[in-house]
């Protein structure tokens, strides 16, 4: 597989993870055995079928799934720059808290450009968004999880309303990919 194709697939995976911003209901058979059905107001925008749909994302590893979602293009580009596509795609049963493009847009452009140009800092931030185990809706009410970066992130909430580190809102949660659970968030998390 050539590098360009791998990057595209990785971007697609993260994009796919973000696509849940559109779809509100997932075909039960596609998600059987993979946790809960996606929840949150952002899920209504996910395509109901085809590229970027929940069913499509469930068949792809996380980085590849995200790349099919235009709302996650900044995240996908960051993952590619950090060289984390294969790491994420090859991980088993992880959870990714995936910031949308709008989340990245909250960061001043000069600061974002600086981070994107610093691979070590970028890697630290991105791996802070991933947990080495499955975290689904049932775990979010009052959770504390060690990230791949080595730090800890917390979650809280109820019903379909959850926050991460008291700053980021999950806009579409419990999105399944072939190797990960994805919670799409509206704010970039920073390691403590």
C-alpha atoms as a PDB file:
ATOM      1  CA  UNK A   1       0.000   0.000   0.000  1.00  0.00           C
ATOM      2  CA  UNK A   2       1.492   3.341  -0.954  1.00  0.00           C
ATOM      3  CA  UNK A   3       1.854   6.221   1.508  1.00  0.00           C
ATOM      4  CA  UNK A   4      -0.684   8.392  -0.254  1.00  0.00           C
ATOM      5  CA  UNK A   5      -3.307   5.667  -0.074  1.00  0.00           C
ATOM      6  CA  UNK A   6      -2.502   5.014   3.586  1.00  0.00           C
ATOM      7  CA  UNK A   7      -2.838   8.711   4.411  1.00  0.00           C
ATOM      8  CA  UNK A   8      -6.145   8.899   2.594  1.00  0.00           C
ATOM      9  CA  UNK A   9      -7.461   5.873   4.470  1.00  0.00           C
ATOM     10  CA  UNK A  10      -6.283   7.247   7.790  1.00  0.00           C
ATOM     11  CA  UNK A  11      -7.868  10.565   7.092  1.00  0.00           C
ATOM     12  CA  UNK A  12     -10.993   8.743   6.099  1.00  0.00           C
ATOM     13  CA  UNK A  13     -11.035   6.902   9.380  1.00  0.00           C
ATOM     14  CA  UNK A  14     -10.882   9.999  11.498  1.00  0.00           C
ATOM     15  CA  UNK A  15     -13.335  11.680   9.188  1.00  0.00           C
ATOM     16  CA  UNK A  16     -15.623   8.749   9.504  1.00  0.00           C
ATOM     17  CA  UNK A  17     -15.436   9.107  13.205  1.00  0.00           C
ATOM     18  CA  UNK A  18     -16.553  12.678  12.804  1.00  0.00           C
ATOM     19  CA  UNK A  19     -19.293  11.820  10.389  1.00  0.00           C
ATOM     20  CA  UNK A  20     -21.473  10.772  13.221  1.00  0.00           C
ATOM     21  CA  UNK A  21     -22.213  14.451  13.459  1.00  0.00           C
ATOM     22  CA  UNK A  22     -24.884  13.770  10.874  1.00  0.00           C
ATOM     23  CA  UNK A  23     -26.608  10.489  11.549  1.00  0.00           C
ATOM     24  CA  UNK A  24     -28.965   9.976  14.390  1.00  0.00           C
ATOM     25  CA  UNK A  25     -29.941   6.355  13.980  1.00  0.00           C
ATOM     26  CA  UNK A  26     -27.753   3.442  13.027  1.00  0.00           C
ATOM     27  CA  UNK A  27     -28.854   0.156  11.580  1.00  0.00           C
ATOM     28  CA  UNK A  28     -28.920  -2.189  14.582  1.00  0.00           C
ATOM     29  CA  UNK A  29     -27.217  -5.030  12.728  1.00  0.00           C
ATOM     30  CA  UNK A  30     -24.225  -2.838  11.887  1.00  0.00           C
ATOM     31  CA  UNK A  31     -23.598  -2.069  15.522  1.00  0.00           C
ATOM     32  CA  UNK A  32     -24.521  -5.381  17.082  1.00  0.00           C
ATOM     33  CA  UNK A  33     -21.972  -6.262  19.717  1.00  0.00           C
ATOM     34  CA  UNK A  34     -20.165  -2.946  19.397  1.00  0.00           C
ATOM     35  CA  UNK A  35     -21.690  -1.007  22.261  1.00  0.00           C
ATOM     36  CA  UNK A  36     -24.471   1.501  22.156  1.00  0.00           C
ATOM     37  CA  UNK A  37     -26.062   3.265  19.226  1.00  0.00           C
ATOM     38  CA  UNK A  38     -24.475   6.672  18.491  1.00  0.00           C
ATOM     39  CA  UNK A  39     -25.970   9.513  20.517  1.00  0.00           C
ATOM     40  CA  UNK A  40     -25.863  13.294  20.584  1.00  0.00           C
ATOM     41  CA  UNK A  41     -27.123  16.212  18.496  1.00  0.00           C
ATOM     42  CA  UNK A  42     -24.228  16.030  16.038  1.00  0.00           C
ATOM     43  CA  UNK A  43     -25.123  12.501  14.946  1.00  0.00           C
ATOM     44  CA  UNK A  44     -28.014  13.821  12.839  1.00  0.00           C
ATOM     45  CA  UNK A  45     -25.580  15.127  10.201  1.00  0.00           C
ATOM     46  CA  UNK A  46     -23.949  11.756   9.482  1.00  0.00           C
ATOM     47  CA  UNK A  47     -24.854  10.235   6.091  1.00  0.00           C
ATOM     48  CA  UNK A  48     -27.381   7.427   6.400  1.00  0.00           C
ATOM     49  CA  UNK A  49     -25.548   5.259   3.887  1.00  0.00           C
ATOM     50  CA  UNK A  50     -22.358   5.125   1.861  1.00  0.00           C
ATOM     51  CA  UNK A  51     -19.051   6.849   2.618  1.00  0.00           C
ATOM     52  CA  UNK A  52     -18.950   8.343   6.083  1.00  0.00           C
ATOM     53  CA  UNK A  53     -22.094   6.570   7.274  1.00  0.00           C
ATOM     54  CA  UNK A  54     -22.058   4.732  10.584  1.00  0.00           C
ATOM     55  CA  UNK A  55     -22.183   1.422   8.739  1.00  0.00           C
ATOM     56  CA  UNK A  56     -19.222   2.404   6.548  1.00  0.00           C
ATOM     57  CA  UNK A  57     -17.190   3.602   9.535  1.00  0.00           C
ATOM     58  CA  UNK A  58     -17.859   0.414  11.472  1.00  0.00           C
ATOM     59  CA  UNK A  59     -15.984  -1.518   8.772  1.00  0.00           C
ATOM     60  CA  UNK A  60     -12.832   0.647   8.794  1.00  0.00           C
ATOM     61  CA  UNK A  61     -10.108   1.248  11.383  1.00  0.00           C
ATOM     62  CA  UNK A  62     -10.423   4.558  13.215  1.00  0.00           C
ATOM     63  CA  UNK A  63      -7.980   6.758  11.286  1.00  0.00           C
ATOM     64  CA  UNK A  64      -9.325   5.525   7.957  1.00  0.00           C
ATOM     65  CA  UNK A  65     -12.933   5.978   9.084  1.00  0.00           C
ATOM     66  CA  UNK A  66     -12.292   9.581  10.129  1.00  0.00           C
ATOM     67  CA  UNK A  67     -10.851  10.516   6.750  1.00  0.00           C
ATOM     68  CA  UNK A  68     -14.253  10.112   5.096  1.00  0.00           C
ATOM     69  CA  UNK A  69     -15.741  12.863   7.247  1.00  0.00           C
ATOM     70  CA  UNK A  70     -15.129  16.443   6.082  1.00  0.00           C
ATOM     71  CA  UNK A  71     -15.874  17.707   9.619  1.00  0.00           C
ATOM     72  CA  UNK A  72     -12.715  15.914  10.837  1.00  0.00           C
ATOM     73  CA  UNK A  73     -10.310  17.004   8.099  1.00  0.00           C
ATOM     74  CA  UNK A  74      -8.121  19.090  10.439  1.00  0.00           C
ATOM     75  CA  UNK A  75      -7.800  16.168  12.848  1.00  0.00           C
ATOM     76  CA  UNK A  76      -6.995  13.791   9.999  1.00  0.00           C
ATOM     77  CA  UNK A  77      -4.302  16.141   8.691  1.00  0.00           C
ATOM     78  CA  UNK A  78      -2.833  16.439  12.197  1.00  0.00           C
ATOM     79  CA  UNK A  79      -2.768  12.661  12.639  1.00  0.00           C
ATOM     80  CA  UNK A  80      -0.969  12.316   9.307  1.00  0.00           C
ATOM     81  CA  UNK A  81       1.590  15.012  10.241  1.00  0.00           C
ATOM     82  CA  UNK A  82       2.271  13.289  13.546  1.00  0.00           C
ATOM     83  CA  UNK A  83       2.733   9.934  11.801  1.00  0.00           C
ATOM     84  CA  UNK A  84       0.003   8.320  13.926  1.00  0.00           C
ATOM     85  CA  UNK A  85      -2.174   6.792  11.195  1.00  0.00           C
ATOM     86  CA  UNK A  86      -0.767   3.277  11.504  1.00  0.00           C
ATOM     87  CA  UNK A  87      -0.566   3.511  15.291  1.00  0.00           C
ATOM     88  CA  UNK A  88      -4.272   4.325  15.533  1.00  0.00           C
ATOM     89  CA  UNK A  89      -5.378   1.953  12.800  1.00  0.00           C
ATOM     90  CA  UNK A  90      -3.477  -0.972  14.318  1.00  0.00           C
ATOM     91  CA  UNK A  91      -4.546  -0.407  17.936  1.00  0.00           C
ATOM     92  CA  UNK A  92      -7.184  -2.721  19.395  1.00  0.00           C
ATOM     93  CA  UNK A  93     -10.269  -1.670  21.334  1.00  0.00           C
ATOM     94  CA  UNK A  94      -9.253   1.953  21.860  1.00  0.00           C
ATOM     95  CA  UNK A  95     -11.394   5.035  22.352  1.00  0.00           C
ATOM     96  CA  UNK A  96     -10.752   8.281  20.509  1.00  0.00           C
ATOM     97  CA  UNK A  97     -12.155  11.658  21.527  1.00  0.00           C
ATOM     98  CA  UNK A  98     -12.115  13.280  18.076  1.00  0.00           C
ATOM     99  CA  UNK A  99     -12.181  17.095  17.828  1.00  0.00           C
ATOM    100  CA  UNK A 100     -14.091  18.571  14.897  1.00  0.00           C
ATOM    101  CA  UNK A 101     -12.728  21.222  12.537  1.00  0.00           C
ATOM    102  CA  UNK A 102     -14.707  23.779  14.557  1.00  0.00           C
ATOM    103  CA  UNK A 103     -12.861  22.620  17.684  1.00  0.00           C
ATOM    104  CA  UNK A 104      -9.503  23.306  16.023  1.00  0.00           C
ATOM    105  CA  UNK A 105     -10.833  26.658  14.766  1.00  0.00           C
ATOM    106  CA  UNK A 106     -11.172  27.817  18.396  1.00  0.00           C
ATOM    107  CA  UNK A 107      -7.355  27.800  18.631  1.00  0.00           C
ATOM    108  CA  UNK A 108      -5.724  31.008  17.333  1.00  0.00           C
ATOM    109  CA  UNK A 109      -4.245  30.305  13.879  1.00  0.00           C
ATOM    110  CA  UNK A 110      -0.690  31.232  14.869  1.00  0.00           C
ATOM    111  CA  UNK A 111      -0.835  28.841  17.844  1.00  0.00           C
ATOM    112  CA  UNK A 112      -2.350  26.044  15.768  1.00  0.00           C
ATOM    113  CA  UNK A 113       0.258  26.482  13.014  1.00  0.00           C
ATOM    114  CA  UNK A 114       3.011  26.307  15.640  1.00  0.00           C
ATOM    115  CA  UNK A 115       1.649  23.059  17.093  1.00  0.00           C
ATOM    116  CA  UNK A 116       1.160  21.508  13.653  1.00  0.00           C
ATOM    117  CA  UNK A 117       4.803  22.274  12.867  1.00  0.00           C
ATOM    118  CA  UNK A 118       6.082  20.637  16.084  1.00  0.00           C
ATOM    119  CA  UNK A 119       5.720  16.857  15.727  1.00  0.00           C
ATOM    120  CA  UNK A 120       6.518  16.095  19.383  1.00  0.00           C
ATOM    121  CA  UNK A 121       3.946  18.550  20.745  1.00  0.00           C
ATOM    122  CA  UNK A 122       1.394  17.479  18.157  1.00  0.00           C
ATOM    123  CA  UNK A 123       1.882  13.812  19.032  1.00  0.00           C
ATOM    124  CA  UNK A 124       1.497  14.580  22.743  1.00  0.00           C
ATOM    125  CA  UNK A 125      -1.781  16.438  22.143  1.00  0.00           C
ATOM    126  CA  UNK A 126      -3.220  13.837  19.770  1.00  0.00           C
ATOM    127  CA  UNK A 127      -2.348  10.835  21.946  1.00  0.00           C
ATOM    128  CA  UNK A 128      -4.010  12.656  24.861  1.00  0.00           C
ATOM    129  CA  UNK A 129      -7.259  12.255  22.889  1.00  0.00           C
ATOM    130  CA  UNK A 130      -7.004   8.432  22.884  1.00  0.00           C
ATOM    131  CA  UNK A 131      -7.619   5.899  25.651  1.00  0.00           C
ATOM    132  CA  UNK A 132      -6.250   2.354  25.484  1.00  0.00           C
ATOM    133  CA  UNK A 133      -9.588   0.683  26.189  1.00  0.00           C
ATOM    134  CA  UNK A 134     -13.214   0.878  25.172  1.00  0.00           C
ATOM    135  CA  UNK A 135     -15.081   3.773  26.789  1.00  0.00           C
ATOM    136  CA  UNK A 136     -18.736   3.831  25.828  1.00  0.00           C
ATOM    137  CA  UNK A 137     -21.738   5.840  26.979  1.00  0.00           C
ATOM    138  CA  UNK A 138     -22.167   3.703  30.108  1.00  0.00           C
ATOM    139  CA  UNK A 139     -18.669   4.760  31.251  1.00  0.00           C
ATOM    140  CA  UNK A 140     -19.063   8.502  30.662  1.00  0.00           C
ATOM    141  CA  UNK A 141     -21.262   9.597  33.600  1.00  0.00           C
ATOM    142  CA  UNK A 142     -18.356   9.901  36.033  1.00  0.00           C
ATOM    143  CA  UNK A 143     -15.217   8.585  34.376  1.00  0.00           C
ATOM    144  CA  UNK A 144     -11.472   8.965  34.708  1.00  0.00           C
ATOM    145  CA  UNK A 145      -9.282   7.404  32.011  1.00  0.00           C
ATOM    146  CA  UNK A 146      -5.565   7.121  31.347  1.00  0.00           C
ATOM    147  CA  UNK A 147      -4.707   8.364  27.862  1.00  0.00           C
ATOM    148  CA  UNK A 148      -2.141   6.976  25.434  1.00  0.00           C
ATOM    149  CA  UNK A 149      -0.161  10.146  26.180  1.00  0.00           C
ATOM    150  CA  UNK A 150       0.066   9.074  29.831  1.00  0.00           C
ATOM    151  CA  UNK A 151      -2.193  11.730  31.288  1.00  0.00           C
ATOM    152  CA  UNK A 152      -5.727  11.430  32.574  1.00  0.00           C
ATOM    153  CA  UNK A 153      -8.967  12.781  31.156  1.00  0.00           C
ATOM    154  CA  UNK A 154     -12.302  12.868  32.934  1.00  0.00           C
ATOM    155  CA  UNK A 155     -15.878  12.650  31.748  1.00  0.00           C
ATOM    156  CA  UNK A 156     -19.188  13.550  33.323  1.00  0.00           C
ATOM    157  CA  UNK A 157     -22.839  13.953  32.451  1.00  0.00           C
ATOM    158  CA  UNK A 158     -26.035  12.011  31.928  1.00  0.00           C
ATOM    159  CA  UNK A 159     -28.626  11.118  29.311  1.00  0.00           C
ATOM    160  CA  UNK A 160     -27.136  12.228  25.993  1.00  0.00           C
ATOM    161  CA  UNK A 161     -25.167  15.194  27.446  1.00  0.00           C
ATOM    162  CA  UNK A 162     -21.542  14.538  28.392  1.00  0.00           C
ATOM    163  CA  UNK A 163     -18.430  16.659  28.850  1.00  0.00           C
ATOM    164  CA  UNK A 164     -14.763  15.753  28.732  1.00  0.00           C
ATOM    165  CA  UNK A 165     -12.454  17.551  31.200  1.00  0.00           C
ATOM    166  CA  UNK A 166     -15.367  19.940  31.902  1.00  0.00           C
ATOM    167  CA  UNK A 167     -14.482  21.788  28.669  1.00  0.00           C
ATOM    168  CA  UNK A 168     -15.385  19.681  25.626  1.00  0.00           C
ATOM    169  CA  UNK A 169     -18.912  18.554  24.811  1.00  0.00           C
ATOM    170  CA  UNK A 170     -19.461  15.196  23.127  1.00  0.00           C
ATOM    171  CA  UNK A 171     -21.539  16.136  20.080  1.00  0.00           C
ATOM    172  CA  UNK A 172     -21.810  12.575  18.758  1.00  0.00           C
ATOM    173  CA  UNK A 173     -20.741   9.659  20.908  1.00  0.00           C
ATOM    174  CA  UNK A 174     -20.432   5.891  20.685  1.00  0.00           C
ATOM    175  CA  UNK A 175     -19.473   5.862  17.008  1.00  0.00           C
ATOM    176  CA  UNK A 176     -18.036   2.452  16.194  1.00  0.00           C
ATOM    177  CA  UNK A 177     -15.109   1.748  13.891  1.00  0.00           C
ATOM    178  CA  UNK A 178     -13.565  -1.672  13.367  1.00  0.00           C
ATOM    179  CA  UNK A 179     -11.048  -1.096  16.167  1.00  0.00           C
ATOM    180  CA  UNK A 180     -12.288   1.850  18.219  1.00  0.00           C
ATOM    181  CA  UNK A 181     -15.135   3.708  19.847  1.00  0.00           C
ATOM    182  CA  UNK A 182     -15.188   7.369  18.819  1.00  0.00           C
ATOM    183  CA  UNK A 183     -16.692  10.303  20.678  1.00  0.00           C
ATOM    184  CA  UNK A 184     -16.725  13.452  18.539  1.00  0.00           C
ATOM    185  CA  UNK A 185     -16.048  16.558  20.623  1.00  0.00           C
ATOM    186  CA  UNK A 186     -16.343  20.317  20.108  1.00  0.00           C
ATOM    187  CA  UNK A 187     -13.073  21.389  21.783  1.00  0.00           C
ATOM    188  CA  UNK A 188      -9.448  20.269  21.478  1.00  0.00           C
ATOM    189  CA  UNK A 189      -8.236  18.761  24.754  1.00  0.00           C
ATOM    190  CA  UNK A 190      -4.858  19.816  26.154  1.00  0.00           C
ATOM    191  CA  UNK A 191      -2.684  17.501  28.249  1.00  0.00           C
ATOM    192  CA  UNK A 192      -2.371  18.659  31.853  1.00  0.00           C
END
